């Protein structure tokens, strides 16, 4: 099993790296070999994609698996040829294995039918219901990890779009990348047993930080 900076993967076409990047940067359309440079490009494209997608979906839109593929393509389509397509490689992180790649189309169909259909549009009456919807969609998507790269950031983008449907501000996940990083990963792992309480707490905090940043808290 081959190891990259972020994931352990099997050796397939999506696991090709830019020559000269020392196995750190996935093969990409611009031919970037520097890890910081590709990271900066991905971030710039994510900000642009967020602006575009915020304007693309209505308050009462029910998200689908195709929508999620479209979001991934809008974000990474100018960087990776496989953007918007489900991964064909097996991946794990920190010894935690994500869904078998051959089952991803079926799992995403079930995710749409059983999760997205139930929790989107995210227009629930109570704050607790909104938090529960955000937590469950977030965890279940991450456990599938349908794409070769960008699943965590895409999960946050989906959460942000759902939060806007609920009348919340753009979500600020800064704390998750800092002192609450371990707590966040533990919350994802708890979802294996359908225990969403840790992720409920994460989103309760995220909403608090987000409203404080925008002056609503």
N, C-alpha and C. Protein backbone atom coordinates (compact mmCIF):
# COMPACT_ATOMS: atom_id res chain seq x y z
N UNK A 1 0.85 -1.19 0.00
CA UNK A 1 0.00 0.00 0.00
C UNK A 1 0.89 1.24 0.00
N UNK A 2 0.62 2.13 -0.90
CA UNK A 2 1.44 3.32 -1.07
C UNK A 2 0.98 4.41 -0.10
N UNK A 3 1.90 5.23 0.36
CA UNK A 3 1.56 6.28 1.31
C UNK A 3 1.79 7.65 0.71
N UNK A 4 0.80 8.52 0.88
CA UNK A 4 0.96 9.91 0.49
C UNK A 4 0.98 10.75 1.76
N UNK A 5 1.08 12.07 1.61
CA UNK A 5 1.12 12.93 2.77
C UNK A 5 -0.18 12.92 3.55
N UNK A 6 -1.30 12.61 2.89
CA UNK A 6 -2.60 12.69 3.55
C UNK A 6 -3.25 11.32 3.73
N UNK A 7 -3.05 10.44 2.77
CA UNK A 7 -3.75 9.16 2.80
C UNK A 7 -2.81 8.01 2.48
N UNK A 8 -3.21 6.81 2.92
CA UNK A 8 -2.62 5.58 2.41
C UNK A 8 -3.53 5.13 1.27
N UNK A 9 -2.95 4.77 0.14
CA UNK A 9 -3.77 4.44 -1.03
C UNK A 9 -3.21 3.24 -1.75
N UNK A 10 -4.04 2.63 -2.57
CA UNK A 10 -3.57 1.62 -3.49
C UNK A 10 -3.01 2.32 -4.71
N UNK A 11 -2.28 1.62 -5.53
CA UNK A 11 -1.58 2.23 -6.66
C UNK A 11 -2.42 2.13 -7.92
N UNK A 12 -3.22 3.15 -8.21
CA UNK A 12 -4.02 3.22 -9.41
C UNK A 12 -3.81 4.58 -10.05
N UNK A 13 -4.51 4.84 -11.15
CA UNK A 13 -4.29 6.05 -11.91
C UNK A 13 -4.46 7.32 -11.08
N UNK A 14 -5.41 7.32 -10.16
CA UNK A 14 -5.63 8.50 -9.33
C UNK A 14 -4.52 8.70 -8.30
N UNK A 15 -3.64 7.72 -8.21
CA UNK A 15 -2.55 7.80 -7.25
C UNK A 15 -1.24 8.17 -7.93
N UNK A 16 -1.31 8.71 -9.13
CA UNK A 16 -0.11 9.18 -9.81
C UNK A 16 0.30 10.54 -9.25
N UNK A 17 1.59 10.72 -9.12
CA UNK A 17 2.11 11.97 -8.55
C UNK A 17 2.93 12.73 -9.60
N UNK A 18 3.01 14.02 -9.41
CA UNK A 18 3.80 14.84 -10.31
C UNK A 18 5.28 14.45 -10.21
N UNK A 19 5.88 14.24 -11.36
CA UNK A 19 7.30 13.92 -11.39
C UNK A 19 8.09 15.07 -10.78
N UNK A 20 8.95 14.72 -9.85
CA UNK A 20 9.75 15.74 -9.19
C UNK A 20 9.16 16.27 -7.90
N UNK A 21 7.96 15.76 -7.52
CA UNK A 21 7.32 16.22 -6.28
C UNK A 21 7.63 15.31 -5.09
N UNK A 22 8.44 14.27 -5.33
CA UNK A 22 8.82 13.32 -4.28
C UNK A 22 7.60 12.63 -3.68
N UNK A 23 6.60 12.37 -4.54
CA UNK A 23 5.41 11.66 -4.07
C UNK A 23 4.53 12.45 -3.15
N UNK A 24 4.63 13.79 -3.20
CA UNK A 24 3.86 14.63 -2.31
C UNK A 24 2.67 15.30 -2.99
N UNK A 25 2.74 15.50 -4.30
CA UNK A 25 1.69 16.23 -5.01
C UNK A 25 1.06 15.35 -6.07
N UNK A 26 -0.25 15.15 -5.99
CA UNK A 26 -0.95 14.34 -6.99
C UNK A 26 -0.82 14.97 -8.37
N UNK A 27 -0.79 14.12 -9.38
CA UNK A 27 -0.70 14.60 -10.76
C UNK A 27 -1.85 15.57 -11.03
N UNK A 28 -1.51 16.74 -11.53
CA UNK A 28 -2.52 17.78 -11.70
C UNK A 28 -2.38 18.47 -13.04
N UNK A 29 -3.44 19.11 -13.47
CA UNK A 29 -3.50 19.74 -14.78
C UNK A 29 -2.47 20.86 -14.93
N UNK A 30 -2.28 21.74 -13.93
CA UNK A 30 -1.28 22.80 -14.08
C UNK A 30 0.16 22.30 -14.00
N UNK A 31 0.36 21.05 -13.54
CA UNK A 31 1.71 20.51 -13.42
C UNK A 31 2.47 21.03 -12.23
N UNK A 32 1.78 21.40 -11.18
CA UNK A 32 2.41 21.94 -9.96
C UNK A 32 3.09 20.83 -9.18
N UNK A 33 4.32 21.09 -8.73
CA UNK A 33 5.09 20.09 -7.99
C UNK A 33 5.24 20.44 -6.50
N UNK A 34 4.93 21.65 -6.13
CA UNK A 34 5.10 22.12 -4.75
C UNK A 34 3.83 21.90 -3.94
N UNK A 35 3.96 21.27 -2.77
CA UNK A 35 2.80 21.02 -1.91
C UNK A 35 2.16 22.32 -1.43
N UNK A 36 2.93 23.30 -0.96
CA UNK A 36 2.30 24.57 -0.56
C UNK A 36 1.60 25.26 -1.74
N UNK A 37 2.18 25.19 -2.92
CA UNK A 37 1.58 25.85 -4.08
C UNK A 37 0.27 25.19 -4.47
N UNK A 38 0.21 23.86 -4.47
CA UNK A 38 -1.04 23.19 -4.84
C UNK A 38 -2.10 23.44 -3.76
N UNK A 39 -1.66 23.53 -2.52
CA UNK A 39 -2.59 23.83 -1.44
C UNK A 39 -3.19 25.22 -1.57
N UNK A 40 -2.37 26.17 -1.94
CA UNK A 40 -2.86 27.54 -2.13
C UNK A 40 -3.83 27.61 -3.29
N UNK A 41 -3.52 26.88 -4.38
CA UNK A 41 -4.42 26.88 -5.53
C UNK A 41 -5.75 26.25 -5.17
N UNK A 42 -5.72 25.14 -4.46
CA UNK A 42 -6.96 24.49 -4.05
C UNK A 42 -7.80 25.43 -3.17
N UNK A 43 -7.15 26.18 -2.31
CA UNK A 43 -7.88 27.10 -1.44
C UNK A 43 -8.50 28.24 -2.24
N UNK A 44 -7.76 28.80 -3.17
CA UNK A 44 -8.31 29.87 -4.01
C UNK A 44 -9.51 29.38 -4.81
N UNK A 45 -9.38 28.19 -5.36
CA UNK A 45 -10.49 27.63 -6.14
C UNK A 45 -11.69 27.30 -5.26
N UNK A 46 -11.43 26.90 -4.01
CA UNK A 46 -12.53 26.61 -3.09
C UNK A 46 -13.30 27.87 -2.75
N UNK A 47 -12.60 28.96 -2.51
CA UNK A 47 -13.27 30.22 -2.21
C UNK A 47 -14.13 30.68 -3.40
N UNK A 48 -13.58 30.52 -4.60
CA UNK A 48 -14.33 30.90 -5.79
C UNK A 48 -15.54 29.99 -6.00
N UNK A 49 -15.34 28.69 -5.78
CA UNK A 49 -16.43 27.73 -5.93
C UNK A 49 -17.53 27.99 -4.91
N UNK A 50 -17.15 28.35 -3.68
CA UNK A 50 -18.13 28.63 -2.64
C UNK A 50 -19.03 29.80 -3.06
N UNK A 51 -18.41 30.85 -3.57
CA UNK A 51 -19.19 32.00 -4.03
C UNK A 51 -20.17 31.59 -5.13
N UNK A 52 -19.69 30.76 -6.06
CA UNK A 52 -20.53 30.33 -7.17
C UNK A 52 -21.67 29.44 -6.71
N UNK A 53 -21.36 28.50 -5.82
CA UNK A 53 -22.36 27.52 -5.39
C UNK A 53 -23.39 28.12 -4.44
N UNK A 54 -22.98 29.10 -3.65
CA UNK A 54 -23.94 29.78 -2.77
C UNK A 54 -25.07 30.38 -3.59
N UNK A 55 -24.73 30.87 -4.78
CA UNK A 55 -25.72 31.49 -5.65
C UNK A 55 -26.46 30.48 -6.53
N UNK A 56 -26.04 29.21 -6.47
CA UNK A 56 -26.60 28.21 -7.38
C UNK A 56 -27.80 27.46 -6.82
N UNK A 57 -27.89 27.39 -5.48
CA UNK A 57 -28.92 26.55 -4.87
C UNK A 57 -29.90 27.40 -4.06
N UNK A 58 -31.17 27.11 -4.22
CA UNK A 58 -32.22 27.87 -3.55
C UNK A 58 -32.37 27.45 -2.09
N UNK A 59 -33.12 28.25 -1.38
CA UNK A 59 -33.39 28.01 0.04
C UNK A 59 -34.05 26.65 0.27
N UNK A 60 -34.83 26.19 -0.69
CA UNK A 60 -35.58 24.94 -0.51
C UNK A 60 -35.04 23.81 -1.38
N UNK A 61 -33.78 23.89 -1.79
CA UNK A 61 -33.20 22.85 -2.64
C UNK A 61 -32.88 21.60 -1.84
N UNK A 62 -33.26 20.45 -2.38
CA UNK A 62 -32.89 19.17 -1.77
C UNK A 62 -31.67 18.64 -2.50
N UNK A 63 -30.57 18.51 -1.80
CA UNK A 63 -29.32 18.11 -2.43
C UNK A 63 -29.33 16.63 -2.82
N UNK A 64 -28.58 16.34 -3.87
CA UNK A 64 -28.48 14.98 -4.40
C UNK A 64 -27.02 14.59 -4.52
N UNK A 65 -26.80 13.31 -4.80
CA UNK A 65 -25.43 12.84 -5.04
C UNK A 65 -24.84 13.52 -6.27
N UNK A 66 -25.66 13.75 -7.29
CA UNK A 66 -25.18 14.45 -8.48
C UNK A 66 -24.76 15.88 -8.16
N UNK A 67 -25.50 16.53 -7.26
CA UNK A 67 -25.12 17.88 -6.83
C UNK A 67 -23.73 17.87 -6.21
N UNK A 68 -23.47 16.86 -5.41
CA UNK A 68 -22.19 16.78 -4.71
C UNK A 68 -21.05 16.55 -5.71
N UNK A 69 -21.29 15.71 -6.71
CA UNK A 69 -20.28 15.53 -7.76
C UNK A 69 -20.05 16.84 -8.50
N UNK A 70 -21.12 17.57 -8.74
CA UNK A 70 -21.01 18.86 -9.42
C UNK A 70 -20.19 19.84 -8.58
N UNK A 71 -20.44 19.88 -7.27
CA UNK A 71 -19.68 20.77 -6.39
C UNK A 71 -18.19 20.45 -6.46
N UNK A 72 -17.87 19.18 -6.43
CA UNK A 72 -16.47 18.75 -6.48
C UNK A 72 -15.83 19.16 -7.80
N UNK A 73 -16.59 19.03 -8.88
CA UNK A 73 -16.09 19.41 -10.21
C UNK A 73 -15.90 20.92 -10.32
N UNK A 74 -16.85 21.68 -9.82
CA UNK A 74 -16.74 23.14 -9.85
C UNK A 74 -15.49 23.59 -9.10
N UNK A 75 -15.23 22.95 -7.98
CA UNK A 75 -14.08 23.32 -7.16
C UNK A 75 -12.75 22.89 -7.78
N UNK A 76 -12.62 21.61 -8.11
CA UNK A 76 -11.31 21.06 -8.48
C UNK A 76 -11.16 20.73 -9.96
N UNK A 77 -12.13 21.08 -10.75
CA UNK A 77 -12.13 20.69 -12.16
C UNK A 77 -10.98 21.25 -12.98
N UNK A 78 -10.43 22.39 -12.58
CA UNK A 78 -9.30 22.97 -13.31
C UNK A 78 -7.96 22.46 -12.78
N UNK A 79 -8.02 21.61 -11.74
CA UNK A 79 -6.78 21.12 -11.11
C UNK A 79 -6.56 19.63 -11.37
N UNK A 80 -7.63 18.84 -11.22
CA UNK A 80 -7.50 17.39 -11.36
C UNK A 80 -8.48 16.85 -12.40
N UNK A 81 -7.99 15.96 -13.25
CA UNK A 81 -8.84 15.39 -14.30
C UNK A 81 -9.98 14.56 -13.73
N UNK A 82 -9.79 13.99 -12.55
CA UNK A 82 -10.80 13.11 -11.97
C UNK A 82 -11.78 13.86 -11.07
N UNK A 83 -11.71 15.17 -11.04
CA UNK A 83 -12.64 15.95 -10.20
C UNK A 83 -14.08 15.68 -10.60
N UNK A 84 -14.94 15.50 -9.63
CA UNK A 84 -16.35 15.24 -9.89
C UNK A 84 -16.69 13.78 -10.09
N UNK A 85 -15.68 12.91 -10.07
CA UNK A 85 -15.89 11.48 -10.25
C UNK A 85 -15.53 10.74 -8.97
N UNK A 86 -16.29 9.72 -8.65
CA UNK A 86 -16.00 8.92 -7.46
C UNK A 86 -14.64 8.25 -7.60
N UNK A 87 -13.96 8.11 -6.48
CA UNK A 87 -12.62 7.53 -6.50
C UNK A 87 -12.66 6.05 -6.87
N UNK A 88 -11.54 5.60 -7.45
CA UNK A 88 -11.37 4.20 -7.80
C UNK A 88 -10.29 3.55 -6.95
N UNK A 89 -9.77 4.31 -6.01
CA UNK A 89 -8.71 3.79 -5.14
C UNK A 89 -9.24 3.60 -3.73
N UNK A 90 -8.57 2.73 -3.01
CA UNK A 90 -8.86 2.53 -1.59
C UNK A 90 -8.04 3.53 -0.80
N UNK A 91 -8.64 4.18 0.18
CA UNK A 91 -7.91 5.14 1.00
C UNK A 91 -8.24 4.95 2.47
N UNK A 92 -7.26 5.31 3.29
CA UNK A 92 -7.45 5.30 4.74
C UNK A 92 -6.66 6.48 5.30
N UNK A 93 -6.94 6.83 6.53
CA UNK A 93 -6.23 7.93 7.16
C UNK A 93 -5.99 7.60 8.61
N UNK A 94 -4.73 7.65 9.01
CA UNK A 94 -4.40 7.33 10.39
C UNK A 94 -4.83 5.95 10.80
N UNK A 95 -4.81 5.02 9.85
CA UNK A 95 -5.23 3.65 10.13
C UNK A 95 -6.73 3.45 10.09
N UNK A 96 -7.48 4.51 9.80
CA UNK A 96 -8.94 4.42 9.73
C UNK A 96 -9.36 4.26 8.26
N UNK A 97 -9.92 3.11 7.88
CA UNK A 97 -10.27 2.87 6.47
C UNK A 97 -11.62 3.49 6.11
N UNK A 98 -11.67 4.11 4.95
CA UNK A 98 -12.94 4.62 4.44
C UNK A 98 -13.58 3.56 3.55
N UNK A 99 -14.77 3.85 3.06
CA UNK A 99 -15.55 2.86 2.32
C UNK A 99 -14.78 2.29 1.14
N UNK A 100 -15.00 1.01 0.89
CA UNK A 100 -14.42 0.35 -0.27
C UNK A 100 -14.87 1.06 -1.54
N UNK A 101 -13.92 1.36 -2.42
CA UNK A 101 -14.22 2.16 -3.60
C UNK A 101 -15.29 1.52 -4.50
N UNK A 102 -15.34 0.22 -4.58
CA UNK A 102 -16.29 -0.42 -5.48
C UNK A 102 -17.75 -0.24 -5.01
N UNK A 103 -17.93 0.11 -3.74
CA UNK A 103 -19.28 0.28 -3.21
C UNK A 103 -19.74 1.74 -3.20
N UNK A 104 -18.87 2.66 -3.61
CA UNK A 104 -19.19 4.08 -3.48
C UNK A 104 -20.44 4.49 -4.25
N UNK A 105 -20.62 4.09 -5.52
CA UNK A 105 -21.86 4.49 -6.22
C UNK A 105 -23.11 4.07 -5.46
N UNK A 106 -23.11 2.85 -4.94
CA UNK A 106 -24.27 2.37 -4.18
C UNK A 106 -24.42 3.13 -2.87
N UNK A 107 -23.31 3.37 -2.18
CA UNK A 107 -23.36 4.08 -0.91
C UNK A 107 -23.83 5.52 -1.09
N UNK A 108 -23.40 6.15 -2.16
CA UNK A 108 -23.84 7.52 -2.41
C UNK A 108 -25.32 7.57 -2.80
N UNK A 109 -25.79 6.55 -3.51
CA UNK A 109 -27.22 6.48 -3.82
C UNK A 109 -28.04 6.33 -2.55
N UNK A 110 -27.55 5.51 -1.62
CA UNK A 110 -28.23 5.33 -0.34
C UNK A 110 -28.12 6.59 0.51
N UNK A 111 -26.99 7.26 0.44
CA UNK A 111 -26.78 8.52 1.16
C UNK A 111 -27.80 9.56 0.68
N UNK A 112 -28.03 9.61 -0.61
CA UNK A 112 -29.02 10.54 -1.15
C UNK A 112 -30.43 10.16 -0.68
N UNK A 113 -30.76 8.89 -0.76
CA UNK A 113 -32.11 8.42 -0.44
C UNK A 113 -32.42 8.52 1.05
N UNK A 114 -31.45 8.14 1.88
CA UNK A 114 -31.72 8.02 3.32
C UNK A 114 -31.28 9.22 4.15
N UNK A 115 -30.32 9.98 3.65
CA UNK A 115 -29.77 11.09 4.43
C UNK A 115 -30.10 12.44 3.81
N UNK A 116 -29.68 12.66 2.57
CA UNK A 116 -29.93 13.96 1.94
C UNK A 116 -31.42 14.24 1.80
N UNK A 117 -32.18 13.23 1.44
CA UNK A 117 -33.62 13.42 1.27
C UNK A 117 -34.31 13.77 2.59
N UNK A 118 -33.76 13.27 3.69
CA UNK A 118 -34.36 13.50 5.01
C UNK A 118 -33.91 14.83 5.61
N UNK A 119 -32.67 15.21 5.38
CA UNK A 119 -32.12 16.37 6.09
C UNK A 119 -31.89 17.61 5.23
N UNK A 120 -32.23 17.52 3.94
CA UNK A 120 -32.20 18.72 3.11
C UNK A 120 -33.53 18.80 2.34
N UNK A 121 -34.03 20.02 2.09
CA UNK A 121 -33.43 21.28 2.51
C UNK A 121 -33.40 21.40 4.04
N UNK A 122 -32.40 22.12 4.53
CA UNK A 122 -32.19 22.24 5.98
C UNK A 122 -33.00 23.42 6.51
N UNK A 123 -34.30 23.23 6.52
CA UNK A 123 -35.21 24.32 6.91
C UNK A 123 -36.03 23.92 8.14
N UNK A 124 -35.36 23.36 9.12
CA UNK A 124 -36.04 22.88 10.31
C UNK A 124 -36.36 24.03 11.27
N UNK A 125 -37.36 23.82 12.11
CA UNK A 125 -37.84 24.89 12.98
C UNK A 125 -36.89 25.19 14.13
N UNK A 126 -36.29 24.16 14.71
CA UNK A 126 -35.47 24.38 15.91
C UNK A 126 -33.98 24.32 15.60
N UNK A 127 -33.20 25.01 16.41
CA UNK A 127 -31.74 24.99 16.28
C UNK A 127 -31.20 23.57 16.46
N UNK A 128 -31.76 22.83 17.40
CA UNK A 128 -31.30 21.46 17.64
C UNK A 128 -31.50 20.58 16.41
N UNK A 129 -32.60 20.75 15.71
CA UNK A 129 -32.85 19.96 14.51
C UNK A 129 -31.86 20.31 13.40
N UNK A 130 -31.55 21.58 13.29
CA UNK A 130 -30.56 22.02 12.30
C UNK A 130 -29.20 21.42 12.61
N UNK A 131 -28.80 21.48 13.86
CA UNK A 131 -27.50 20.93 14.27
C UNK A 131 -27.45 19.43 13.99
N UNK A 132 -28.52 18.73 14.31
CA UNK A 132 -28.57 17.29 14.06
C UNK A 132 -28.43 17.00 12.57
N UNK A 133 -29.13 17.75 11.74
CA UNK A 133 -29.06 17.56 10.29
C UNK A 133 -27.64 17.78 9.78
N UNK A 134 -27.01 18.86 10.22
CA UNK A 134 -25.64 19.15 9.80
C UNK A 134 -24.69 18.04 10.23
N UNK A 135 -24.83 17.59 11.46
CA UNK A 135 -23.92 16.57 12.00
C UNK A 135 -24.06 15.24 11.25
N UNK A 136 -25.28 14.81 11.03
CA UNK A 136 -25.49 13.51 10.39
C UNK A 136 -25.03 13.52 8.94
N UNK A 137 -25.39 14.54 8.20
CA UNK A 137 -24.97 14.63 6.80
C UNK A 137 -23.44 14.67 6.72
N UNK A 138 -22.83 15.45 7.59
CA UNK A 138 -21.38 15.62 7.60
C UNK A 138 -20.67 14.29 7.87
N UNK A 139 -21.10 13.62 8.92
CA UNK A 139 -20.45 12.37 9.32
C UNK A 139 -20.64 11.29 8.25
N UNK A 140 -21.86 11.11 7.80
CA UNK A 140 -22.13 10.03 6.85
C UNK A 140 -21.40 10.24 5.52
N UNK A 141 -21.29 11.50 5.10
CA UNK A 141 -20.53 11.78 3.88
C UNK A 141 -19.06 11.45 4.08
N UNK A 142 -18.49 11.85 5.21
CA UNK A 142 -17.07 11.61 5.45
C UNK A 142 -16.75 10.14 5.60
N UNK A 143 -17.66 9.36 6.14
CA UNK A 143 -17.42 7.92 6.27
C UNK A 143 -17.35 7.24 4.91
N UNK A 144 -18.08 7.78 3.93
CA UNK A 144 -17.99 7.24 2.56
C UNK A 144 -16.72 7.74 1.90
N UNK A 145 -16.39 9.03 2.08
CA UNK A 145 -15.20 9.62 1.48
C UNK A 145 -15.15 9.31 -0.01
N UNK A 146 -16.13 9.80 -0.77
CA UNK A 146 -16.31 9.33 -2.15
C UNK A 146 -15.26 9.78 -3.16
N UNK A 147 -14.48 10.80 -2.84
CA UNK A 147 -13.55 11.34 -3.82
C UNK A 147 -12.09 11.10 -3.43
N UNK A 148 -11.23 11.16 -4.42
CA UNK A 148 -9.80 10.91 -4.19
C UNK A 148 -9.19 11.96 -3.29
N UNK A 149 -9.66 13.18 -3.38
CA UNK A 149 -9.10 14.29 -2.62
C UNK A 149 -10.19 15.31 -2.35
N UNK A 150 -10.11 16.00 -1.22
CA UNK A 150 -10.99 17.12 -0.93
C UNK A 150 -12.27 16.79 -0.20
N UNK A 151 -12.38 15.59 0.34
CA UNK A 151 -13.64 15.20 1.00
C UNK A 151 -13.97 16.04 2.22
N UNK A 152 -12.98 16.31 3.06
CA UNK A 152 -13.23 17.10 4.26
C UNK A 152 -13.69 18.51 3.95
N UNK A 153 -12.99 19.14 3.01
CA UNK A 153 -13.35 20.51 2.64
C UNK A 153 -14.69 20.56 1.93
N UNK A 154 -14.98 19.53 1.13
CA UNK A 154 -16.27 19.48 0.46
C UNK A 154 -17.39 19.25 1.48
N UNK A 155 -17.14 18.43 2.48
CA UNK A 155 -18.13 18.20 3.53
C UNK A 155 -18.46 19.51 4.24
N UNK A 156 -17.45 20.35 4.45
CA UNK A 156 -17.69 21.64 5.10
C UNK A 156 -18.46 22.59 4.19
N UNK A 157 -18.19 22.50 2.90
CA UNK A 157 -18.94 23.31 1.95
C UNK A 157 -20.41 22.91 1.93
N UNK A 158 -20.68 21.61 1.93
CA UNK A 158 -22.07 21.13 1.98
C UNK A 158 -22.75 21.62 3.26
N UNK A 159 -22.03 21.55 4.37
CA UNK A 159 -22.58 22.03 5.65
C UNK A 159 -22.89 23.52 5.58
N UNK A 160 -22.01 24.28 4.94
CA UNK A 160 -22.22 25.72 4.81
C UNK A 160 -23.46 26.01 3.98
N UNK A 161 -23.64 25.30 2.89
CA UNK A 161 -24.82 25.50 2.05
C UNK A 161 -26.10 25.13 2.80
N UNK A 162 -26.04 24.07 3.60
CA UNK A 162 -27.19 23.69 4.42
C UNK A 162 -27.46 24.75 5.48
N UNK A 163 -26.39 25.27 6.10
CA UNK A 163 -26.55 26.28 7.14
C UNK A 163 -27.22 27.54 6.58
N UNK A 164 -26.86 27.91 5.37
CA UNK A 164 -27.49 29.07 4.74
C UNK A 164 -28.98 28.82 4.52
N UNK A 165 -29.35 27.60 4.20
CA UNK A 165 -30.77 27.26 4.07
C UNK A 165 -31.50 27.46 5.39
N UNK A 166 -30.77 27.24 6.48
CA UNK A 166 -31.36 27.37 7.83
C UNK A 166 -31.32 28.80 8.35
N UNK A 167 -30.83 29.72 7.51
CA UNK A 167 -30.77 31.11 7.94
C UNK A 167 -29.56 31.45 8.78
N UNK A 168 -28.56 30.57 8.78
CA UNK A 168 -27.33 30.80 9.54
C UNK A 168 -26.30 31.49 8.64
N UNK A 169 -25.27 32.06 9.23
CA UNK A 169 -24.21 32.69 8.42
C UNK A 169 -23.29 31.63 7.81
N UNK A 170 -22.38 32.07 6.96
CA UNK A 170 -21.35 31.17 6.46
C UNK A 170 -20.61 30.57 7.65
N UNK A 171 -20.42 29.27 7.63
CA UNK A 171 -19.82 28.60 8.77
C UNK A 171 -18.31 28.80 8.82
N UNK A 172 -17.81 29.04 10.03
CA UNK A 172 -16.38 29.25 10.26
C UNK A 172 -15.83 28.00 10.98
N UNK A 173 -15.00 27.24 10.24
CA UNK A 173 -14.45 25.99 10.78
C UNK A 173 -13.02 26.16 11.31
N UNK A 174 -12.61 27.39 11.56
CA UNK A 174 -11.22 27.67 11.95
C UNK A 174 -10.79 26.85 13.16
N UNK A 175 -11.65 26.77 14.17
CA UNK A 175 -11.28 26.08 15.40
C UNK A 175 -11.04 24.59 15.18
N UNK A 176 -11.73 24.01 14.19
CA UNK A 176 -11.56 22.59 13.91
C UNK A 176 -10.15 22.30 13.39
N UNK A 177 -9.57 23.26 12.68
CA UNK A 177 -8.22 23.09 12.16
C UNK A 177 -7.17 23.38 13.22
N UNK A 178 -7.62 23.82 14.39
CA UNK A 178 -6.69 24.15 15.46
C UNK A 178 -6.83 23.22 16.63
N UNK A 179 -7.22 23.78 17.77
CA UNK A 179 -7.21 23.02 19.02
C UNK A 179 -8.26 21.92 19.08
N UNK A 180 -9.29 21.99 18.25
CA UNK A 180 -10.34 20.99 18.28
C UNK A 180 -10.21 19.94 17.18
N UNK A 181 -9.05 19.88 16.55
CA UNK A 181 -8.85 18.96 15.43
C UNK A 181 -9.03 17.50 15.86
N UNK A 182 -8.42 17.13 16.97
CA UNK A 182 -8.54 15.74 17.44
C UNK A 182 -9.98 15.41 17.83
N UNK A 183 -10.65 16.37 18.45
CA UNK A 183 -12.05 16.18 18.84
C UNK A 183 -12.93 15.98 17.60
N UNK A 184 -12.61 16.71 16.56
CA UNK A 184 -13.36 16.60 15.30
C UNK A 184 -13.19 15.21 14.69
N UNK A 185 -11.96 14.72 14.59
CA UNK A 185 -11.73 13.40 14.02
C UNK A 185 -12.38 12.31 14.87
N UNK A 186 -12.35 12.49 16.17
CA UNK A 186 -13.01 11.51 17.05
C UNK A 186 -14.51 11.51 16.81
N UNK A 187 -15.08 12.68 16.54
CA UNK A 187 -16.51 12.78 16.26
C UNK A 187 -16.89 12.06 14.97
N UNK A 188 -16.01 12.14 13.97
CA UNK A 188 -16.25 11.41 12.72
C UNK A 188 -16.22 9.91 12.99
N UNK A 189 -15.23 9.46 13.73
CA UNK A 189 -15.12 8.03 14.01
C UNK A 189 -16.30 7.51 14.82
N UNK A 190 -16.84 8.34 15.71
CA UNK A 190 -18.00 7.93 16.51
C UNK A 190 -19.19 7.65 15.63
N UNK A 191 -19.23 8.27 14.46
CA UNK A 191 -20.34 8.06 13.53
C UNK A 191 -20.42 6.65 12.97
N UNK A 192 -19.33 5.90 13.07
CA UNK A 192 -19.36 4.50 12.61
C UNK A 192 -20.44 3.74 13.36
N UNK A 193 -20.64 4.08 14.62
CA UNK A 193 -21.65 3.43 15.47
C UNK A 193 -22.93 4.26 15.56
N UNK A 194 -23.10 5.17 14.59
CA UNK A 194 -24.30 6.04 14.54
C UNK A 194 -24.42 6.91 15.79
N UNK A 195 -23.30 7.18 16.41
CA UNK A 195 -23.29 8.09 17.55
C UNK A 195 -22.91 9.47 17.02
N UNK A 196 -23.92 10.32 16.85
CA UNK A 196 -23.69 11.64 16.27
C UNK A 196 -23.55 12.74 17.32
N UNK A 197 -23.63 12.36 18.59
CA UNK A 197 -23.57 13.37 19.65
C UNK A 197 -22.27 14.17 19.64
N UNK A 198 -21.11 13.53 19.46
CA UNK A 198 -19.88 14.33 19.40
C UNK A 198 -19.88 15.35 18.26
N UNK A 199 -20.41 14.95 17.09
CA UNK A 199 -20.45 15.90 15.97
C UNK A 199 -21.52 16.96 16.19
N UNK A 200 -22.59 16.62 16.90
CA UNK A 200 -23.58 17.64 17.27
C UNK A 200 -22.90 18.76 18.07
N UNK A 201 -22.06 18.35 19.01
CA UNK A 201 -21.34 19.34 19.83
C UNK A 201 -20.41 20.18 18.96
N UNK A 202 -19.72 19.53 18.04
CA UNK A 202 -18.82 20.26 17.14
C UNK A 202 -19.59 21.33 16.38
N UNK A 203 -20.74 20.97 15.82
CA UNK A 203 -21.50 21.93 15.03
C UNK A 203 -22.16 23.00 15.89
N UNK A 204 -22.52 22.65 17.11
CA UNK A 204 -23.04 23.67 18.02
C UNK A 204 -21.98 24.74 18.25
N UNK A 205 -20.73 24.30 18.42
CA UNK A 205 -19.63 25.25 18.61
C UNK A 205 -19.34 26.03 17.34
N UNK A 206 -19.35 25.34 16.20
CA UNK A 206 -19.08 26.00 14.92
C UNK A 206 -20.10 27.11 14.66
N UNK A 207 -21.35 26.84 14.94
CA UNK A 207 -22.40 27.84 14.74
C UNK A 207 -22.18 29.02 15.69
N UNK A 208 -21.82 28.72 16.92
CA UNK A 208 -21.55 29.78 17.89
C UNK A 208 -20.41 30.68 17.40
N UNK A 209 -19.30 30.06 16.96
CA UNK A 209 -18.15 30.85 16.47
C UNK A 209 -18.56 31.66 15.25
N UNK A 210 -19.32 31.04 14.37
CA UNK A 210 -19.70 31.70 13.11
C UNK A 210 -20.58 32.90 13.37
N UNK A 211 -21.54 32.77 14.26
CA UNK A 211 -22.42 33.89 14.58
C UNK A 211 -21.65 34.99 15.31
N UNK A 212 -20.67 34.60 16.13
CA UNK A 212 -19.87 35.60 16.83
C UNK A 212 -19.02 36.39 15.84
N UNK A 213 -18.46 35.70 14.85
CA UNK A 213 -17.62 36.36 13.85
C UNK A 213 -18.41 37.37 13.04
N UNK A 214 -19.65 36.99 12.70
CA UNK A 214 -20.46 37.89 11.86
C UNK A 214 -21.27 38.88 12.69
N UNK A 215 -21.10 38.83 14.02
CA UNK A 215 -21.76 39.81 14.87
C UNK A 215 -23.15 39.47 15.30
N UNK A 216 -23.54 38.21 15.12
CA UNK A 216 -24.89 37.78 15.50
C UNK A 216 -24.92 37.08 16.85
N UNK A 217 -23.73 36.74 17.34
CA UNK A 217 -23.69 35.99 18.59
C UNK A 217 -23.77 36.89 19.81
